[in-house]
Amino acid sequence: MKTWGLDAVEWFAVLRIGLGLWWLESVRHKNLEAWLKRNAGINWAASVAEGHRWAWVGKSFESTVKPHPKLFTWIVLLAEFALGVGITFGVLTPVALAGGIVLNLIYLLLMIHEFSEQGQNGMMIVMGAVCLGAQAWQKWSVDAWLGLFGT
């Protein structure tokens, strides 16, 4: 059955592509100069960790992230970019979807006291889970073109 000219597998591909574009937008909307030259992302994360209701978050930030601000800045930027490319174009899609779910869960837990982005993270987790469960890489993906993951 087709709805608006697309079958169910194609609609799941549309959802997958939309989620991937959302990840790419997450990178695009960042002020990269501020992130790379002034550690804006790390400074923001420090303020979150400092006021977090779970003490282990602050301790983990102090021992892991704070000593390596450039490394963690690049990890966040490259992870979000890689997830965006992988999900949008369907490259190692199950891995990218699982990685996106994990990263959104981390963001969700870190921002447990701040509700401004919880809807976004929650929605991205649901979209990732649906795409993973529906095997949304079956259409319009590099994985399908290469015959990967049972497509």
N, C-alpha and C. Protein backbone atom coordinates (compact mmCIF):
# COMPACT_ATOMS: atom_id res chain seq x y z
N MET A 1 0.84 -1.17 0.00
CA MET A 1 0.00 0.00 0.00
C MET A 1 0.89 1.25 0.00
N LYS A 2 0.51 2.22 -0.80
CA LYS A 2 1.27 3.46 -0.90
C LYS A 2 0.45 4.62 -0.35
N THR A 3 1.13 5.49 0.34
CA THR A 3 0.54 6.73 0.83
C THR A 3 1.33 7.88 0.25
N TRP A 4 0.65 8.73 -0.48
CA TRP A 4 1.29 9.86 -1.16
C TRP A 4 2.44 9.38 -2.04
N GLY A 5 2.26 8.23 -2.65
CA GLY A 5 3.23 7.70 -3.60
C GLY A 5 4.39 6.93 -3.00
N LEU A 6 4.43 6.79 -1.68
CA LEU A 6 5.53 6.07 -1.03
C LEU A 6 4.99 4.87 -0.26
N ASP A 7 5.74 3.78 -0.27
CA ASP A 7 5.36 2.64 0.56
C ASP A 7 6.00 2.79 1.95
N ALA A 8 5.70 1.86 2.84
CA ALA A 8 6.16 1.97 4.23
C ALA A 8 7.68 2.01 4.33
N VAL A 9 8.37 1.20 3.56
CA VAL A 9 9.83 1.17 3.61
C VAL A 9 10.40 2.53 3.20
N GLU A 10 9.78 3.14 2.21
CA GLU A 10 10.25 4.46 1.77
C GLU A 10 9.95 5.54 2.82
N TRP A 11 8.81 5.43 3.50
CA TRP A 11 8.52 6.39 4.56
C TRP A 11 9.52 6.28 5.70
N PHE A 12 9.94 5.04 6.03
CA PHE A 12 10.97 4.88 7.07
C PHE A 12 12.29 5.48 6.61
N ALA A 13 12.58 5.39 5.32
CA ALA A 13 13.79 6.03 4.79
C ALA A 13 13.68 7.55 4.91
N VAL A 14 12.50 8.10 4.67
CA VAL A 14 12.29 9.54 4.83
C VAL A 14 12.55 9.94 6.28
N LEU A 15 12.03 9.15 7.22
CA LEU A 15 12.26 9.42 8.64
C LEU A 15 13.75 9.37 8.95
N ARG A 16 14.45 8.36 8.43
CA ARG A 16 15.89 8.21 8.64
C ARG A 16 16.65 9.42 8.10
N ILE A 17 16.31 9.83 6.91
CA ILE A 17 17.00 10.97 6.29
C ILE A 17 16.74 12.25 7.10
N GLY A 18 15.51 12.42 7.54
CA GLY A 18 15.18 13.58 8.38
C GLY A 18 15.98 13.59 9.67
N LEU A 19 16.13 12.44 10.30
CA LEU A 19 16.92 12.34 11.53
C LEU A 19 18.38 12.66 11.24
N GLY A 20 18.90 12.14 10.15
CA GLY A 20 20.29 12.44 9.80
C GLY A 20 20.51 13.92 9.55
N LEU A 21 19.56 14.55 8.87
CA LEU A 21 19.66 15.99 8.63
C LEU A 21 19.59 16.78 9.93
N TRP A 22 18.83 16.26 10.89
CA TRP A 22 18.74 16.90 12.20
C TRP A 22 20.11 16.88 12.88
N TRP A 23 20.83 15.75 12.79
CA TRP A 23 22.18 15.68 13.34
C TRP A 23 23.12 16.65 12.63
N LEU A 24 23.02 16.72 11.31
CA LEU A 24 23.87 17.66 10.57
C LEU A 24 23.55 19.10 10.96
N GLU A 25 22.28 19.39 11.17
CA GLU A 25 21.89 20.74 11.62
C GLU A 25 22.45 21.04 13.00
N SER A 26 22.57 20.01 13.83
CA SER A 26 23.14 20.19 15.15
C SER A 26 24.58 20.70 15.07
N VAL A 27 25.31 20.25 14.07
CA VAL A 27 26.68 20.75 13.86
C VAL A 27 26.63 22.12 13.19
N ARG A 28 25.80 22.27 12.18
CA ARG A 28 25.77 23.51 11.40
C ARG A 28 25.39 24.72 12.25
N HIS A 29 24.48 24.54 13.19
CA HIS A 29 24.02 25.70 13.95
C HIS A 29 24.99 26.14 15.05
N LYS A 30 26.02 25.33 15.32
CA LYS A 30 27.01 25.71 16.33
C LYS A 30 27.90 26.83 15.79
N ASN A 31 28.28 27.73 16.65
CA ASN A 31 29.26 28.75 16.28
C ASN A 31 30.63 28.06 16.35
N LEU A 32 31.09 27.57 15.20
CA LEU A 32 32.32 26.76 15.18
C LEU A 32 33.54 27.54 15.65
N GLU A 33 33.58 28.82 15.32
CA GLU A 33 34.72 29.62 15.79
C GLU A 33 34.75 29.64 17.32
N ALA A 34 33.60 29.86 17.92
CA ALA A 34 33.53 29.87 19.39
C ALA A 34 33.85 28.50 19.96
N TRP A 35 33.36 27.47 19.32
CA TRP A 35 33.62 26.11 19.81
C TRP A 35 35.09 25.76 19.71
N LEU A 36 35.72 26.09 18.58
CA LEU A 36 37.10 25.67 18.35
C LEU A 36 38.14 26.59 18.96
N LYS A 37 37.86 27.89 19.02
CA LYS A 37 38.86 28.83 19.53
C LYS A 37 38.65 29.22 20.99
N ARG A 38 37.39 29.22 21.42
CA ARG A 38 37.11 29.67 22.78
C ARG A 38 36.50 28.58 23.65
N ASN A 39 36.47 27.36 23.15
CA ASN A 39 35.94 26.22 23.92
C ASN A 39 34.52 26.45 24.44
N ALA A 40 33.69 27.07 23.61
CA ALA A 40 32.33 27.39 24.03
C ALA A 40 31.56 26.16 24.47
N GLY A 41 31.69 25.06 23.75
CA GLY A 41 30.98 23.83 24.12
C GLY A 41 31.42 23.29 25.46
N ILE A 42 32.71 23.34 25.70
CA ILE A 42 33.25 22.84 26.98
C ILE A 42 32.85 23.78 28.11
N ASN A 43 32.87 25.07 27.86
CA ASN A 43 32.45 26.03 28.89
C ASN A 43 30.98 25.82 29.26
N TRP A 44 30.15 25.57 28.25
CA TRP A 44 28.74 25.28 28.51
C TRP A 44 28.61 23.98 29.32
N ALA A 45 29.35 22.96 28.90
CA ALA A 45 29.30 21.67 29.60
C ALA A 45 29.77 21.82 31.05
N ALA A 46 30.77 22.67 31.27
CA ALA A 46 31.26 22.90 32.64
C ALA A 46 30.16 23.51 33.51
N SER A 47 29.38 24.43 32.94
CA SER A 47 28.30 25.03 33.73
C SER A 47 27.22 24.01 34.04
N VAL A 48 26.96 23.10 33.09
CA VAL A 48 25.99 22.03 33.33
C VAL A 48 26.50 21.11 34.43
N ALA A 49 27.75 20.68 34.31
CA ALA A 49 28.33 19.75 35.28
C ALA A 49 28.40 20.36 36.67
N GLU A 50 28.73 21.64 36.73
CA GLU A 50 28.87 22.33 38.02
C GLU A 50 27.57 22.34 38.80
N GLY A 51 26.47 22.57 38.11
CA GLY A 51 25.18 22.66 38.80
C GLY A 51 24.35 21.40 38.75
N HIS A 52 24.94 20.31 38.29
CA HIS A 52 24.16 19.08 38.11
C HIS A 52 23.76 18.49 39.45
N ARG A 53 22.57 17.91 39.49
CA ARG A 53 22.06 17.33 40.74
C ARG A 53 22.78 16.05 41.13
N TRP A 54 23.44 15.40 40.17
CA TRP A 54 24.21 14.19 40.49
C TRP A 54 25.68 14.56 40.57
N ALA A 55 26.27 14.42 41.74
CA ALA A 55 27.66 14.85 41.97
C ALA A 55 28.65 14.15 41.05
N TRP A 56 28.37 12.90 40.68
CA TRP A 56 29.31 12.16 39.84
C TRP A 56 29.47 12.79 38.46
N VAL A 57 28.46 13.54 38.00
CA VAL A 57 28.56 14.21 36.70
C VAL A 57 29.66 15.27 36.76
N GLY A 58 29.63 16.09 37.81
CA GLY A 58 30.65 17.12 37.99
C GLY A 58 32.03 16.53 38.16
N LYS A 59 32.12 15.47 38.96
CA LYS A 59 33.42 14.82 39.18
C LYS A 59 33.96 14.21 37.88
N SER A 60 33.08 13.58 37.13
CA SER A 60 33.51 12.98 35.85
C SER A 60 33.97 14.05 34.88
N PHE A 61 33.26 15.17 34.83
CA PHE A 61 33.66 16.27 33.96
C PHE A 61 35.04 16.78 34.35
N GLU A 62 35.24 17.01 35.64
CA GLU A 62 36.51 17.55 36.13
C GLU A 62 37.69 16.62 35.82
N SER A 63 37.47 15.32 35.93
CA SER A 63 38.58 14.39 35.73
C SER A 63 38.79 13.97 34.28
N THR A 64 37.74 14.04 33.46
CA THR A 64 37.84 13.53 32.10
C THR A 64 37.83 14.61 31.04
N VAL A 65 36.85 15.48 31.08
CA VAL A 65 36.65 16.46 30.01
C VAL A 65 37.51 17.71 30.21
N LYS A 66 37.48 18.28 31.39
CA LYS A 66 38.17 19.55 31.65
C LYS A 66 39.65 19.51 31.30
N PRO A 67 40.38 18.43 31.58
CA PRO A 67 41.80 18.41 31.22
C PRO A 67 42.07 18.34 29.71
N HIS A 68 41.06 18.01 28.92
CA HIS A 68 41.24 17.83 27.47
C HIS A 68 40.16 18.56 26.68
N PRO A 69 40.06 19.89 26.81
CA PRO A 69 38.95 20.60 26.17
C PRO A 69 38.95 20.49 24.65
N LYS A 70 40.09 20.59 24.01
CA LYS A 70 40.13 20.52 22.53
C LYS A 70 39.69 19.14 22.05
N LEU A 71 40.19 18.09 22.70
CA LEU A 71 39.84 16.72 22.33
C LEU A 71 38.33 16.52 22.41
N PHE A 72 37.72 16.92 23.51
CA PHE A 72 36.30 16.70 23.67
C PHE A 72 35.46 17.59 22.76
N THR A 73 35.96 18.78 22.45
CA THR A 73 35.28 19.62 21.47
C THR A 73 35.22 18.90 20.13
N TRP A 74 36.36 18.37 19.70
CA TRP A 74 36.41 17.66 18.41
C TRP A 74 35.60 16.37 18.45
N ILE A 75 35.60 15.68 19.58
CA ILE A 75 34.82 14.44 19.69
C ILE A 75 33.33 14.75 19.47
N VAL A 76 32.82 15.79 20.12
CA VAL A 76 31.40 16.14 19.97
C VAL A 76 31.10 16.53 18.53
N LEU A 77 31.91 17.43 17.97
CA LEU A 77 31.65 17.90 16.60
C LEU A 77 31.73 16.77 15.58
N LEU A 78 32.77 15.97 15.67
CA LEU A 78 32.94 14.88 14.70
C LEU A 78 31.91 13.77 14.89
N ALA A 79 31.53 13.51 16.14
CA ALA A 79 30.51 12.48 16.39
C ALA A 79 29.18 12.90 15.79
N GLU A 80 28.77 14.14 16.04
CA GLU A 80 27.50 14.61 15.49
C GLU A 80 27.54 14.65 13.97
N PHE A 81 28.66 15.06 13.39
CA PHE A 81 28.80 15.09 11.93
C PHE A 81 28.75 13.67 11.36
N ALA A 82 29.49 12.75 11.97
CA ALA A 82 29.52 11.36 11.48
C ALA A 82 28.14 10.72 11.59
N LEU A 83 27.43 10.99 12.67
CA LEU A 83 26.07 10.46 12.80
C LEU A 83 25.17 11.03 11.72
N GLY A 84 25.29 12.31 11.47
CA GLY A 84 24.48 12.95 10.44
C GLY A 84 24.73 12.37 9.07
N VAL A 85 25.98 12.20 8.71
CA VAL A 85 26.33 11.63 7.39
C VAL A 85 25.88 10.17 7.32
N GLY A 86 26.20 9.40 8.36
CA GLY A 86 25.85 7.98 8.36
C GLY A 86 24.36 7.73 8.27
N ILE A 87 23.59 8.50 9.01
CA ILE A 87 22.14 8.29 9.01
C ILE A 87 21.50 8.86 7.75
N THR A 88 21.91 10.04 7.34
CA THR A 88 21.32 10.66 6.14
C THR A 88 21.56 9.82 4.90
N PHE A 89 22.80 9.40 4.69
CA PHE A 89 23.15 8.68 3.47
C PHE A 89 23.08 7.16 3.63
N GLY A 90 22.77 6.70 4.84
CA GLY A 90 22.62 5.27 5.06
C GLY A 90 23.94 4.51 4.98
N VAL A 91 24.95 5.04 5.65
CA VAL A 91 26.28 4.41 5.68
C VAL A 91 26.47 3.79 7.06
N LEU A 92 26.58 2.46 7.11
CA LEU A 92 26.64 1.74 8.39
C LEU A 92 25.50 2.21 9.30
N THR A 93 24.34 2.24 8.72
CA THR A 93 23.17 2.85 9.35
C THR A 93 22.83 2.28 10.72
N PRO A 94 22.83 0.96 10.92
CA PRO A 94 22.49 0.47 12.27
C PRO A 94 23.47 0.97 13.32
N VAL A 95 24.74 1.05 12.96
CA VAL A 95 25.76 1.55 13.89
C VAL A 95 25.51 3.03 14.18
N ALA A 96 25.25 3.80 13.13
CA ALA A 96 25.00 5.24 13.30
C ALA A 96 23.73 5.48 14.12
N LEU A 97 22.68 4.72 13.85
CA LEU A 97 21.44 4.89 14.61
C LEU A 97 21.65 4.56 16.10
N ALA A 98 22.34 3.45 16.36
CA ALA A 98 22.62 3.08 17.76
C ALA A 98 23.50 4.14 18.42
N GLY A 99 24.50 4.65 17.71
CA GLY A 99 25.35 5.70 18.24
C GLY A 99 24.56 6.96 18.54
N GLY A 100 23.63 7.30 17.65
CA GLY A 100 22.80 8.48 17.87
C GLY A 100 21.92 8.32 19.09
N ILE A 101 21.35 7.14 19.27
CA ILE A 101 20.52 6.88 20.45
C ILE A 101 21.35 7.05 21.72
N VAL A 102 22.55 6.48 21.72
CA VAL A 102 23.42 6.58 22.90
C VAL A 102 23.79 8.05 23.17
N LEU A 103 24.18 8.79 22.13
CA LEU A 103 24.57 10.18 22.33
C LEU A 103 23.38 11.02 22.83
N ASN A 104 22.20 10.79 22.27
CA ASN A 104 21.02 11.51 22.76
C ASN A 104 20.68 11.12 24.19
N LEU A 105 20.88 9.86 24.56
CA LEU A 105 20.65 9.46 25.96
C LEU A 105 21.63 10.16 26.89
N ILE A 106 22.88 10.29 26.47
CA ILE A 106 23.87 11.02 27.27
C ILE A 106 23.44 12.47 27.43
N TYR A 107 23.07 13.11 26.31
CA TYR A 107 22.61 14.50 26.38
C TYR A 107 21.39 14.61 27.30
N LEU A 108 20.47 13.66 27.19
CA LEU A 108 19.26 13.67 28.00
C LEU A 108 19.60 13.58 29.48
N LEU A 109 20.51 12.68 29.83
CA LEU A 109 20.89 12.52 31.24
C LEU A 109 21.68 13.71 31.76
N LEU A 110 22.52 14.28 30.92
CA LEU A 110 23.29 15.45 31.37
C LEU A 110 22.40 16.65 31.60
N MET A 111 21.34 16.73 30.82
CA MET A 111 20.45 17.89 30.91
C MET A 111 19.19 17.56 31.72
N ILE A 112 19.28 16.63 32.64
CA ILE A 112 18.12 16.16 33.38
C ILE A 112 17.43 17.30 34.14
N HIS A 113 18.18 18.31 34.51
CA HIS A 113 17.61 19.43 35.26
C HIS A 113 17.22 20.60 34.36
N GLU A 114 17.53 20.51 33.10
CA GLU A 114 17.25 21.59 32.13
C GLU A 114 16.30 21.04 31.08
N PHE A 115 15.09 21.55 31.03
CA PHE A 115 14.08 20.98 30.16
C PHE A 115 14.04 21.59 28.76
N SER A 116 14.91 22.55 28.47
CA SER A 116 14.83 23.25 27.19
C SER A 116 15.10 22.36 25.99
N GLU A 117 15.95 21.34 26.14
CA GLU A 117 16.27 20.48 25.00
C GLU A 117 15.79 19.05 25.17
N GLN A 118 15.06 18.77 26.21
CA GLN A 118 14.64 17.40 26.46
C GLN A 118 13.72 16.87 25.37
N GLY A 119 12.84 17.70 24.85
CA GLY A 119 11.95 17.25 23.78
C GLY A 119 12.72 16.83 22.54
N GLN A 120 13.72 17.62 22.19
CA GLN A 120 14.55 17.30 21.03
C GLN A 120 15.27 15.97 21.23
N ASN A 121 15.91 15.80 22.36
CA ASN A 121 16.64 14.56 22.61
C ASN A 121 15.70 13.36 22.67
N GLY A 122 14.58 13.53 23.34
CA GLY A 122 13.61 12.44 23.42
C GLY A 122 13.08 12.05 22.04
N MET A 123 12.75 13.05 21.23
CA MET A 123 12.23 12.78 19.89
C MET A 123 13.29 12.11 19.02
N MET A 124 14.53 12.55 19.13
CA MET A 124 15.59 11.93 18.33
C MET A 124 15.83 10.48 18.76
N ILE A 125 15.69 10.19 20.04
CA ILE A 125 15.82 8.81 20.52
C ILE A 125 14.70 7.95 19.93
N VAL A 126 13.48 8.44 19.98
CA VAL A 126 12.34 7.69 19.42
C VAL A 126 12.53 7.47 17.92
N MET A 127 12.91 8.53 17.20
CA MET A 127 13.12 8.39 15.75
C MET A 127 14.22 7.37 15.45
N GLY A 128 15.31 7.42 16.21
CA GLY A 128 16.40 6.47 16.01
C GLY A 128 15.96 5.04 16.28
N ALA A 129 15.18 4.85 17.34
CA ALA A 129 14.70 3.51 17.68
C ALA A 129 13.75 2.98 16.61
N VAL A 130 12.85 3.85 16.11
CA VAL A 130 11.92 3.43 15.05
C VAL A 130 12.70 3.07 13.79
N CYS A 131 13.65 3.90 13.42
CA CYS A 131 14.45 3.62 12.21
C CYS A 131 15.25 2.33 12.37
N LEU A 132 15.78 2.11 13.55
CA LEU A 132 16.54 0.89 13.80
C LEU A 132 15.62 -0.33 13.74
N GLY A 133 14.47 -0.26 14.40
CA GLY A 133 13.53 -1.38 14.40
C GLY A 133 12.93 -1.66 13.04
N ALA A 134 12.74 -0.60 12.25
CA ALA A 134 12.13 -0.76 10.93
C ALA A 134 13.16 -1.03 9.83
N GLN A 135 14.42 -1.11 10.24
CA GLN A 135 15.51 -1.31 9.27
C GLN A 135 15.42 -0.27 8.15
N ALA A 136 15.45 0.99 8.54
CA ALA A 136 15.21 2.10 7.62
C ALA A 136 16.33 2.31 6.60
N TRP A 137 17.28 1.43 6.57
CA TRP A 137 18.37 1.50 5.58
C TRP A 137 18.05 0.68 4.33
N GLN A 138 16.85 0.12 4.26
CA GLN A 138 16.49 -0.74 3.14
C GLN A 138 16.26 0.02 1.84
N LYS A 139 16.03 1.32 1.92
CA LYS A 139 15.80 2.14 0.72
C LYS A 139 16.68 3.37 0.80
N TRP A 140 17.12 3.81 -0.36
CA TRP A 140 17.82 5.08 -0.51
C TRP A 140 19.02 5.20 0.43
N SER A 141 19.85 4.15 0.48
CA SER A 141 21.02 4.18 1.35
C SER A 141 22.20 3.48 0.69
N VAL A 142 23.37 3.86 1.12
CA VAL A 142 24.59 3.18 0.67
C VAL A 142 24.55 1.72 1.13
N ASP A 143 24.03 1.48 2.33
CA ASP A 143 23.93 0.11 2.83
C ASP A 143 23.08 -0.75 1.90
N ALA A 144 21.95 -0.24 1.43
CA ALA A 144 21.10 -1.00 0.51
C ALA A 144 21.81 -1.22 -0.82
N TRP A 145 22.48 -0.20 -1.29
CA TRP A 145 23.20 -0.29 -2.56
C TRP A 145 24.29 -1.36 -2.50
N LEU A 146 24.96 -1.48 -1.34
CA LEU A 146 26.01 -2.48 -1.15
C LEU A 146 25.47 -3.83 -0.68
N GLY A 147 24.18 -3.90 -0.37
CA GLY A 147 23.59 -5.14 0.10
C GLY A 147 23.97 -5.49 1.52
N LEU A 148 24.23 -4.49 2.34
CA LEU A 148 24.64 -4.71 3.74
C LEU A 148 23.42 -4.86 4.65
N PHE A 149 23.60 -5.52 5.74
CA PHE A 149 22.62 -5.64 6.81
C PHE A 149 21.28 -6.23 6.36
N GLY A 150 21.34 -7.19 5.50
CA GLY A 150 20.16 -7.93 5.11
C GLY A 150 19.17 -7.15 4.27
N THR A 151 19.66 -6.17 3.56
CA THR A 151 18.75 -5.38 2.73
C THR A 151 18.50 -6.06 1.42
